[in-house]
mmCIF file of all heavy atoms, coordinates in Angstrom:
data_MODEL
# 
_entry.id   MODEL 
# 
loop_
_atom_site.group_PDB 
_atom_site.id 
_atom_site.type_symbol 
_atom_site.label_atom_id 
_atom_site.label_alt_id 
_atom_site.label_comp_id 
_atom_site.label_asym_id 
_atom_site.label_entity_id 
_atom_site.label_seq_id 
_atom_site.pdbx_PDB_ins_code 
_atom_site.Cartn_x 
_atom_site.Cartn_y 
_atom_site.Cartn_z 
_atom_site.occupancy 
_atom_site.B_iso_or_equiv 
_atom_site.pdbx_formal_charge 
_atom_site.auth_seq_id 
_atom_site.auth_comp_id 
_atom_site.auth_asym_id 
_atom_site.auth_atom_id 
_atom_site.pdbx_PDB_model_num 
ATOM 1   N N   . SER A 1 1  ? 90.134  93.725  113.067 1.00 0.00 ? 1  SER A N   1 
ATOM 2   C CA  . SER A 1 1  ? 91.432  93.456  112.454 1.00 0.00 ? 1  SER A CA  1 
ATOM 3   C C   . SER A 1 1  ? 91.336  92.293  111.476 1.00 0.00 ? 1  SER A C   1 
ATOM 4   O O   . SER A 1 1  ? 92.059  92.256  110.469 1.00 0.00 ? 1  SER A O   1 
ATOM 5   C CB  . SER A 1 1  ? 92.472  93.158  113.535 1.00 0.00 ? 1  SER A CB  1 
ATOM 6   O OG  . SER A 1 1  ? 92.096  92.045  114.333 1.00 0.00 ? 1  SER A OG  1 
ATOM 7   N N   . LYS A 1 2  ? 90.467  91.338  111.745 1.00 0.00 ? 2  LYS A N   1 
ATOM 8   C CA  . LYS A 1 2  ? 90.280  90.214  110.827 1.00 0.00 ? 2  LYS A CA  1 
ATOM 9   C C   . LYS A 1 2  ? 89.861  90.705  109.445 1.00 0.00 ? 2  LYS A C   1 
ATOM 10  O O   . LYS A 1 2  ? 90.432  90.306  108.426 1.00 0.00 ? 2  LYS A O   1 
ATOM 11  C CB  . LYS A 1 2  ? 89.210  89.260  111.364 1.00 0.00 ? 2  LYS A CB  1 
ATOM 12  C CG  . LYS A 1 2  ? 88.840  88.159  110.382 1.00 0.00 ? 2  LYS A CG  1 
ATOM 13  C CD  . LYS A 1 2  ? 87.537  87.477  110.739 1.00 0.00 ? 2  LYS A CD  1 
ATOM 14  C CE  . LYS A 1 2  ? 87.681  86.618  111.962 1.00 0.00 ? 2  LYS A CE  1 
ATOM 15  N NZ  . LYS A 1 2  ? 86.451  85.812  112.228 1.00 0.00 ? 2  LYS A NZ  1 
ATOM 16  N N   . TYR A 1 3  ? 88.896  91.598  109.411 1.00 0.00 ? 3  TYR A N   1 
ATOM 17  C CA  . TYR A 1 3  ? 88.355  92.058  108.134 1.00 0.00 ? 3  TYR A CA  1 
ATOM 18  C C   . TYR A 1 3  ? 89.311  93.011  107.424 1.00 0.00 ? 3  TYR A C   1 
ATOM 19  O O   . TYR A 1 3  ? 89.414  92.994  106.194 1.00 0.00 ? 3  TYR A O   1 
ATOM 20  C CB  . TYR A 1 3  ? 86.985  92.700  108.362 1.00 0.00 ? 3  TYR A CB  1 
ATOM 21  C CG  . TYR A 1 3  ? 86.044  91.769  109.096 1.00 0.00 ? 3  TYR A CG  1 
ATOM 22  C CD1 . TYR A 1 3  ? 85.510  92.117  110.335 1.00 0.00 ? 3  TYR A CD1 1 
ATOM 23  C CD2 . TYR A 1 3  ? 85.730  90.515  108.576 1.00 0.00 ? 3  TYR A CD2 1 
ATOM 24  C CE1 . TYR A 1 3  ? 84.670  91.253  111.023 1.00 0.00 ? 3  TYR A CE1 1 
ATOM 25  C CE2 . TYR A 1 3  ? 84.889  89.641  109.259 1.00 0.00 ? 3  TYR A CE2 1 
ATOM 26  C CZ  . TYR A 1 3  ? 84.359  90.016  110.483 1.00 0.00 ? 3  TYR A CZ  1 
ATOM 27  O OH  . TYR A 1 3  ? 83.540  89.145  111.166 1.00 0.00 ? 3  TYR A OH  1 
ATOM 28  N N   . LEU A 1 4  ? 90.018  93.813  108.193 1.00 0.00 ? 4  LEU A N   1 
ATOM 29  C CA  . LEU A 1 4  ? 91.027  94.685  107.586 1.00 0.00 ? 4  LEU A CA  1 
ATOM 30  C C   . LEU A 1 4  ? 92.134  93.854  106.958 1.00 0.00 ? 4  LEU A C   1 
ATOM 31  O O   . LEU A 1 4  ? 92.579  94.119  105.830 1.00 0.00 ? 4  LEU A O   1 
ATOM 32  C CB  . LEU A 1 4  ? 91.587  95.633  108.644 1.00 0.00 ? 4  LEU A CB  1 
ATOM 33  C CG  . LEU A 1 4  ? 92.725  96.565  108.224 1.00 0.00 ? 4  LEU A CG  1 
ATOM 34  C CD1 . LEU A 1 4  ? 92.393  97.337  106.967 1.00 0.00 ? 4  LEU A CD1 1 
ATOM 35  C CD2 . LEU A 1 4  ? 93.073  97.520  109.357 1.00 0.00 ? 4  LEU A CD2 1 
ATOM 36  N N   . ALA A 1 5  ? 92.579  92.818  107.651 1.00 0.00 ? 5  ALA A N   1 
ATOM 37  C CA  . ALA A 1 5  ? 93.652  91.966  107.126 1.00 0.00 ? 5  ALA A CA  1 
ATOM 38  C C   . ALA A 1 5  ? 93.217  91.242  105.858 1.00 0.00 ? 5  ALA A C   1 
ATOM 39  O O   . ALA A 1 5  ? 94.002  91.108  104.910 1.00 0.00 ? 5  ALA A O   1 
ATOM 40  C CB  . ALA A 1 5  ? 94.087  90.959  108.188 1.00 0.00 ? 5  ALA A CB  1 
ATOM 41  N N   . LEU A 1 6  ? 91.986  90.776  105.820 1.00 0.00 ? 6  LEU A N   1 
ATOM 42  C CA  . LEU A 1 6  ? 91.489  90.094  104.619 1.00 0.00 ? 6  LEU A CA  1 
ATOM 43  C C   . LEU A 1 6  ? 91.491  91.024  103.411 1.00 0.00 ? 6  LEU A C   1 
ATOM 44  O O   . LEU A 1 6  ? 91.810  90.615  102.293 1.00 0.00 ? 6  LEU A O   1 
ATOM 45  C CB  . LEU A 1 6  ? 90.083  89.545  104.866 1.00 0.00 ? 6  LEU A CB  1 
ATOM 46  C CG  . LEU A 1 6  ? 89.989  88.311  105.775 1.00 0.00 ? 6  LEU A CG  1 
ATOM 47  C CD1 . LEU A 1 6  ? 88.534  88.038  106.149 1.00 0.00 ? 6  LEU A CD1 1 
ATOM 48  C CD2 . LEU A 1 6  ? 90.610  87.087  105.104 1.00 0.00 ? 6  LEU A CD2 1 
ATOM 49  N N   . GLN A 1 7  ? 91.151  92.284  103.624 1.00 0.00 ? 7  GLN A N   1 
ATOM 50  C CA  . GLN A 1 7  ? 91.167  93.241  102.515 1.00 0.00 ? 7  GLN A CA  1 
ATOM 51  C C   . GLN A 1 7  ? 92.583  93.484  102.009 1.00 0.00 ? 7  GLN A C   1 
ATOM 52  O O   . GLN A 1 7  ? 92.823  93.538  100.798 1.00 0.00 ? 7  GLN A O   1 
ATOM 53  C CB  . GLN A 1 7  ? 90.527  94.559  102.962 1.00 0.00 ? 7  GLN A CB  1 
ATOM 54  C CG  . GLN A 1 7  ? 89.039  94.475  103.220 1.00 0.00 ? 7  GLN A CG  1 
ATOM 55  C CD  . GLN A 1 7  ? 88.530  95.722  103.899 1.00 0.00 ? 7  GLN A CD  1 
ATOM 56  O OE1 . GLN A 1 7  ? 88.185  96.703  103.239 1.00 0.00 ? 7  GLN A OE1 1 
ATOM 57  N NE2 . GLN A 1 7  ? 88.477  95.704  105.218 1.00 0.00 ? 7  GLN A NE2 1 
ATOM 58  N N   . ILE A 1 8  ? 93.524  93.660  102.932 1.00 0.00 ? 8  ILE A N   1 
ATOM 59  C CA  . ILE A 1 8  ? 94.908  93.894  102.516 1.00 0.00 ? 8  ILE A CA  1 
ATOM 60  C C   . ILE A 1 8  ? 95.447  92.674  101.778 1.00 0.00 ? 8  ILE A C   1 
ATOM 61  O O   . ILE A 1 8  ? 96.126  92.801  100.740 1.00 0.00 ? 8  ILE A O   1 
ATOM 62  C CB  . ILE A 1 8  ? 95.775  94.256  103.736 1.00 0.00 ? 8  ILE A CB  1 
ATOM 63  C CG1 . ILE A 1 8  ? 95.361  95.633  104.282 1.00 0.00 ? 8  ILE A CG1 1 
ATOM 64  C CG2 . ILE A 1 8  ? 97.257  94.264  103.364 1.00 0.00 ? 8  ILE A CG2 1 
ATOM 65  C CD1 . ILE A 1 8  ? 96.083  96.039  105.553 1.00 0.00 ? 8  ILE A CD1 1 
ATOM 66  N N   . LYS A 1 9  ? 95.143  91.480  102.277 1.00 0.00 ? 9  LYS A N   1 
ATOM 67  C CA  . LYS A 1 9  ? 95.568  90.270  101.587 1.00 0.00 ? 9  LYS A CA  1 
ATOM 68  C C   . LYS A 1 9  ? 94.959  90.198  100.191 1.00 0.00 ? 9  LYS A C   1 
ATOM 69  O O   . LYS A 1 9  ? 95.655  89.844  99.215  1.00 0.00 ? 9  LYS A O   1 
ATOM 70  C CB  . LYS A 1 9  ? 95.169  89.040  102.401 1.00 0.00 ? 9  LYS A CB  1 
ATOM 71  C CG  . LYS A 1 9  ? 95.573  87.704  101.769 1.00 0.00 ? 9  LYS A CG  1 
ATOM 72  C CD  . LYS A 1 9  ? 97.092  87.528  101.728 1.00 0.00 ? 9  LYS A CD  1 
ATOM 73  C CE  . LYS A 1 9  ? 97.489  86.153  101.223 1.00 0.00 ? 9  LYS A CE  1 
ATOM 74  N NZ  . LYS A 1 9  ? 98.961  85.942  101.236 1.00 0.00 ? 9  LYS A NZ  1 
ATOM 75  N N   . ALA A 1 10 ? 93.703  90.542  100.071 1.00 0.00 ? 10 ALA A N   1 
ATOM 76  C CA  . ALA A 1 10 ? 93.047  90.529  98.753  1.00 0.00 ? 10 ALA A CA  1 
ATOM 77  C C   . ALA A 1 10 ? 93.700  91.536  97.815  1.00 0.00 ? 10 ALA A C   1 
ATOM 78  O O   . ALA A 1 10 ? 93.851  91.271  96.613  1.00 0.00 ? 10 ALA A O   1 
ATOM 79  C CB  . ALA A 1 10 ? 91.559  90.819  98.905  1.00 0.00 ? 10 ALA A CB  1 
ATOM 80  N N   . CYS A 1 11 ? 94.095  92.685  98.338  1.00 0.00 ? 11 CYS A N   1 
ATOM 81  C CA  . CYS A 1 11 ? 94.823  93.659  97.514  1.00 0.00 ? 11 CYS A CA  1 
ATOM 82  C C   . CYS A 1 11 ? 96.159  93.080  97.060  1.00 0.00 ? 11 CYS A C   1 
ATOM 83  O O   . CYS A 1 11 ? 96.551  93.237  95.896  1.00 0.00 ? 11 CYS A O   1 
ATOM 84  C CB  . CYS A 1 11 ? 95.064  94.944  98.312  1.00 0.00 ? 11 CYS A CB  1 
ATOM 85  S SG  . CYS A 1 11 ? 93.602  95.946  98.611  1.00 0.00 ? 11 CYS A SG  1 
ATOM 86  N N   . GLU A 1 12 ? 96.859  92.401  97.954  1.00 0.00 ? 12 GLU A N   1 
ATOM 87  C CA  . GLU A 1 12 ? 98.139  91.798  97.610  1.00 0.00 ? 12 GLU A CA  1 
ATOM 88  C C   . GLU A 1 12 ? 97.975  90.718  96.536  1.00 0.00 ? 12 GLU A C   1 
ATOM 89  O O   . GLU A 1 12 ? 98.858  90.514  95.711  1.00 0.00 ? 12 GLU A O   1 
ATOM 90  C CB  . GLU A 1 12 ? 98.789  91.199  98.856  1.00 0.00 ? 12 GLU A CB  1 
ATOM 91  C CG  . GLU A 1 12 ? 99.317  92.230  99.840  1.00 0.00 ? 12 GLU A CG  1 
ATOM 92  C CD  . GLU A 1 12 ? 100.488 93.001  99.264  1.00 0.00 ? 12 GLU A CD  1 
ATOM 93  O OE1 . GLU A 1 12 ? 101.612 92.478  99.261  1.00 0.00 ? 12 GLU A OE1 1 
ATOM 94  O OE2 . GLU A 1 12 ? 100.274 94.136  98.782  1.00 0.00 ? 12 GLU A OE2 1 
ATOM 95  N N   . LEU A 1 13 ? 96.846  90.039  96.550  1.00 0.00 ? 13 LEU A N   1 
ATOM 96  C CA  . LEU A 1 13 ? 96.580  88.996  95.556  1.00 0.00 ? 13 LEU A CA  1 
ATOM 97  C C   . LEU A 1 13 ? 96.065  89.564  94.236  1.00 0.00 ? 13 LEU A C   1 
ATOM 98  O O   . LEU A 1 13 ? 95.910  88.828  93.255  1.00 0.00 ? 13 LEU A O   1 
ATOM 99  C CB  . LEU A 1 13 ? 95.552  87.998  96.106  1.00 0.00 ? 13 LEU A CB  1 
ATOM 100 C CG  . LEU A 1 13 ? 95.999  87.153  97.297  1.00 0.00 ? 13 LEU A CG  1 
ATOM 101 C CD1 . LEU A 1 13 ? 94.808  86.415  97.884  1.00 0.00 ? 13 LEU A CD1 1 
ATOM 102 C CD2 . LEU A 1 13 ? 97.094  86.176  96.877  1.00 0.00 ? 13 LEU A CD2 1 
ATOM 103 N N   . GLY A 1 14 ? 95.768  90.865  94.213  1.00 0.00 ? 14 GLY A N   1 
ATOM 104 C CA  . GLY A 1 14 ? 95.208  91.472  93.013  1.00 0.00 ? 14 GLY A CA  1 
ATOM 105 C C   . GLY A 1 14 ? 93.714  91.260  92.865  1.00 0.00 ? 14 GLY A C   1 
ATOM 106 O O   . GLY A 1 14 ? 93.143  91.501  91.799  1.00 0.00 ? 14 GLY A O   1 
ATOM 107 N N   . TRP A 1 15 ? 93.065  90.818  93.917  1.00 0.00 ? 15 TRP A N   1 
ATOM 108 C CA  . TRP A 1 15 ? 91.623  90.575  93.875  1.00 0.00 ? 15 TRP A CA  1 
ATOM 109 C C   . TRP A 1 15 ? 90.817  91.838  94.135  1.00 0.00 ? 15 TRP A C   1 
ATOM 110 O O   . TRP A 1 15 ? 89.624  91.879  93.885  1.00 0.00 ? 15 TRP A O   1 
ATOM 111 C CB  . TRP A 1 15 ? 91.226  89.539  94.928  1.00 0.00 ? 15 TRP A CB  1 
ATOM 112 C CG  . TRP A 1 15 ? 91.785  88.171  94.710  1.00 0.00 ? 15 TRP A CG  1 
ATOM 113 C CD1 . TRP A 1 15 ? 92.673  87.782  93.738  1.00 0.00 ? 15 TRP A CD1 1 
ATOM 114 C CD2 . TRP A 1 15 ? 91.516  87.001  95.481  1.00 0.00 ? 15 TRP A CD2 1 
ATOM 115 N NE1 . TRP A 1 15 ? 92.962  86.457  93.857  1.00 0.00 ? 15 TRP A NE1 1 
ATOM 116 C CE2 . TRP A 1 15 ? 92.271  85.943  94.925  1.00 0.00 ? 15 TRP A CE2 1 
ATOM 117 C CE3 . TRP A 1 15 ? 90.718  86.739  96.593  1.00 0.00 ? 15 TRP A CE3 1 
ATOM 118 C CZ2 . TRP A 1 15 ? 92.248  84.650  95.443  1.00 0.00 ? 15 TRP A CZ2 1 
ATOM 119 C CZ3 . TRP A 1 15 ? 90.706  85.455  97.105  1.00 0.00 ? 15 TRP A CZ3 1 
ATOM 120 C CH2 . TRP A 1 15 ? 91.442  84.426  96.535  1.00 0.00 ? 15 TRP A CH2 1 
ATOM 121 N N   . LEU A 1 16 ? 91.468  92.862  94.682  1.00 0.00 ? 16 LEU A N   1 
ATOM 122 C CA  . LEU A 1 16 ? 90.745  94.033  95.165  1.00 0.00 ? 16 LEU A CA  1 
ATOM 123 C C   . LEU A 1 16 ? 91.576  95.280  94.912  1.00 0.00 ? 16 LEU A C   1 
ATOM 124 O O   . LEU A 1 16 ? 92.770  95.306  95.228  1.00 0.00 ? 16 LEU A O   1 
ATOM 125 C CB  . LEU A 1 16 ? 90.507  93.876  96.680  1.00 0.00 ? 16 LEU A CB  1 
ATOM 126 C CG  . LEU A 1 16 ? 89.615  94.876  97.394  1.00 0.00 ? 16 LEU A CG  1 
ATOM 127 C CD1 . LEU A 1 16 ? 88.189  94.795  96.882  1.00 0.00 ? 16 LEU A CD1 1 
ATOM 128 C CD2 . LEU A 1 16 ? 89.650  94.597  98.895  1.00 0.00 ? 16 LEU A CD2 1 
ATOM 129 N N   . PRO A 1 17 ? 90.983  96.336  94.321  1.00 0.00 ? 17 PRO A N   1 
ATOM 130 C CA  . PRO A 1 17 ? 91.713  97.608  94.187  1.00 0.00 ? 17 PRO A CA  1 
ATOM 131 C C   . PRO A 1 17 ? 92.062  98.171  95.557  1.00 0.00 ? 17 PRO A C   1 
ATOM 132 O O   . PRO A 1 17 ? 91.367  97.912  96.539  1.00 0.00 ? 17 PRO A O   1 
ATOM 133 C CB  . PRO A 1 17 ? 90.721  98.523  93.457  1.00 0.00 ? 17 PRO A CB  1 
ATOM 134 C CG  . PRO A 1 17 ? 89.722  97.607  92.849  1.00 0.00 ? 17 PRO A CG  1 
ATOM 135 C CD  . PRO A 1 17 ? 89.639  96.411  93.739  1.00 0.00 ? 17 PRO A CD  1 
ATOM 136 N N   . ARG A 1 18 ? 93.138  98.969  95.627  1.00 0.00 ? 18 ARG A N   1 
ATOM 137 C CA  . ARG A 1 18 ? 93.590  99.474  96.918  1.00 0.00 ? 18 ARG A CA  1 
ATOM 138 C C   . ARG A 1 18 ? 92.796  100.659 97.428  1.00 0.00 ? 18 ARG A C   1 
ATOM 139 O O   . ARG A 1 18 ? 93.018  101.128 98.535  1.00 0.00 ? 18 ARG A O   1 
ATOM 140 C CB  . ARG A 1 18 ? 95.074  99.855  96.835  1.00 0.00 ? 18 ARG A CB  1 
ATOM 141 C CG  . ARG A 1 18 ? 95.969  98.637  96.680  1.00 0.00 ? 18 ARG A CG  1 
ATOM 142 C CD  . ARG A 1 18 ? 97.426  99.015  96.812  1.00 0.00 ? 18 ARG A CD  1 
ATOM 143 N NE  . ARG A 1 18 ? 98.244  97.859  96.424  1.00 0.00 ? 18 ARG A NE  1 
ATOM 144 C CZ  . ARG A 1 18 ? 99.306  97.942  95.665  1.00 0.00 ? 18 ARG A CZ  1 
ATOM 145 N NH1 . ARG A 1 18 ? 99.699  99.120  95.222  1.00 0.00 ? 18 ARG A NH1 1 
ATOM 146 N NH2 . ARG A 1 18 ? 99.988  96.865  95.355  1.00 0.00 ? 18 ARG A NH2 1 
ATOM 147 N N   . ALA A 1 19 ? 91.900  101.192 96.625  1.00 0.00 ? 19 ALA A N   1 
ATOM 148 C CA  . ALA A 1 19 ? 91.039  102.275 97.087  1.00 0.00 ? 19 ALA A CA  1 
ATOM 149 C C   . ALA A 1 19 ? 89.608  101.921 96.743  1.00 0.00 ? 19 ALA A C   1 
ATOM 150 O O   . ALA A 1 19 ? 89.334  101.206 95.776  1.00 0.00 ? 19 ALA A O   1 
ATOM 151 C CB  . ALA A 1 19 ? 91.426  103.607 96.445  1.00 0.00 ? 19 ALA A CB  1 
ATOM 152 N N   . ASP A 1 20 ? 88.679  102.419 97.547  1.00 0.00 ? 20 ASP A N   1 
ATOM 153 C CA  . ASP A 1 20 ? 87.273  102.143 97.338  1.00 0.00 ? 20 ASP A CA  1 
ATOM 154 C C   . ASP A 1 20 ? 86.710  103.169 96.358  1.00 0.00 ? 20 ASP A C   1 
ATOM 155 O O   . ASP A 1 20 ? 86.716  104.368 96.630  1.00 0.00 ? 20 ASP A O   1 
ATOM 156 C CB  . ASP A 1 20 ? 86.540  102.221 98.674  1.00 0.00 ? 20 ASP A CB  1 
ATOM 157 C CG  . ASP A 1 20 ? 85.072  101.879 98.555  1.00 0.00 ? 20 ASP A CG  1 
ATOM 158 O OD1 . ASP A 1 20 ? 84.683  101.315 97.526  1.00 0.00 ? 20 ASP A OD1 1 
ATOM 159 O OD2 . ASP A 1 20 ? 84.324  102.182 99.495  1.00 0.00 ? 20 ASP A OD2 1 
ATOM 160 N N   . ALA A 1 21 ? 86.225  102.705 95.229  1.00 0.00 ? 21 ALA A N   1 
ATOM 161 C CA  . ALA A 1 21 ? 85.746  103.619 94.187  1.00 0.00 ? 21 ALA A CA  1 
ATOM 162 C C   . ALA A 1 21 ? 84.598  104.478 94.683  1.00 0.00 ? 21 ALA A C   1 
ATOM 163 O O   . ALA A 1 21 ? 84.503  105.662 94.359  1.00 0.00 ? 21 ALA A O   1 
ATOM 164 C CB  . ALA A 1 21 ? 85.318  102.823 92.957  1.00 0.00 ? 21 ALA A CB  1 
ATOM 165 N N   . ALA A 1 22 ? 83.705  103.899 95.486  1.00 0.00 ? 22 ALA A N   1 
ATOM 166 C CA  . ALA A 1 22 ? 82.556  104.671 95.975  1.00 0.00 ? 22 ALA A CA  1 
ATOM 167 C C   . ALA A 1 22 ? 83.007  105.805 96.881  1.00 0.00 ? 22 ALA A C   1 
ATOM 168 O O   . ALA A 1 22 ? 82.540  106.940 96.763  1.00 0.00 ? 22 ALA A O   1 
ATOM 169 C CB  . ALA A 1 22 ? 81.588  103.750 96.725  1.00 0.00 ? 22 ALA A CB  1 
ATOM 170 N N   . SER A 1 23 ? 83.941  105.520 97.796  1.00 0.00 ? 23 SER A N   1 
ATOM 171 C CA  . SER A 1 23 ? 84.429  106.581 98.672  1.00 0.00 ? 23 SER A CA  1 
ATOM 172 C C   . SER A 1 23 ? 85.269  107.583 97.901  1.00 0.00 ? 23 SER A C   1 
ATOM 173 O O   . SER A 1 23 ? 85.343  108.755 98.247  1.00 0.00 ? 23 SER A O   1 
ATOM 174 C CB  . SER A 1 23 ? 85.226  105.990 99.838  1.00 0.00 ? 23 SER A CB  1 
ATOM 175 O OG  . SER A 1 23 ? 86.340  105.267 99.383  1.00 0.00 ? 23 SER A OG  1 
ATOM 176 N N   . ASP A 1 24 ? 85.895  107.151 96.814  1.00 0.00 ? 24 ASP A N   1 
ATOM 177 C CA  . ASP A 1 24 ? 86.665  108.067 95.980  1.00 0.00 ? 24 ASP A CA  1 
ATOM 178 C C   . ASP A 1 24 ? 85.756  109.116 95.348  1.00 0.00 ? 24 ASP A C   1 
ATOM 179 O O   . ASP A 1 24 ? 86.109  110.288 95.242  1.00 0.00 ? 24 ASP A O   1 
ATOM 180 C CB  . ASP A 1 24 ? 87.406  107.287 94.897  1.00 0.00 ? 24 ASP A CB  1 
ATOM 181 C CG  . ASP A 1 24 ? 88.301  108.178 94.059  1.00 0.00 ? 24 ASP A CG  1 
ATOM 182 O OD1 . ASP A 1 24 ? 88.903  109.099 94.626  1.00 0.00 ? 24 ASP A OD1 1 
ATOM 183 O OD2 . ASP A 1 24 ? 88.384  107.955 92.834  1.00 0.00 ? 24 ASP A OD2 1 
# 
């Protein structure tokens, strides 16, 4: 949950796209 939360926070900050390009 720690790592999932960090990703969502990064998305909220605009640091990270909301989908993974490689998995896309």
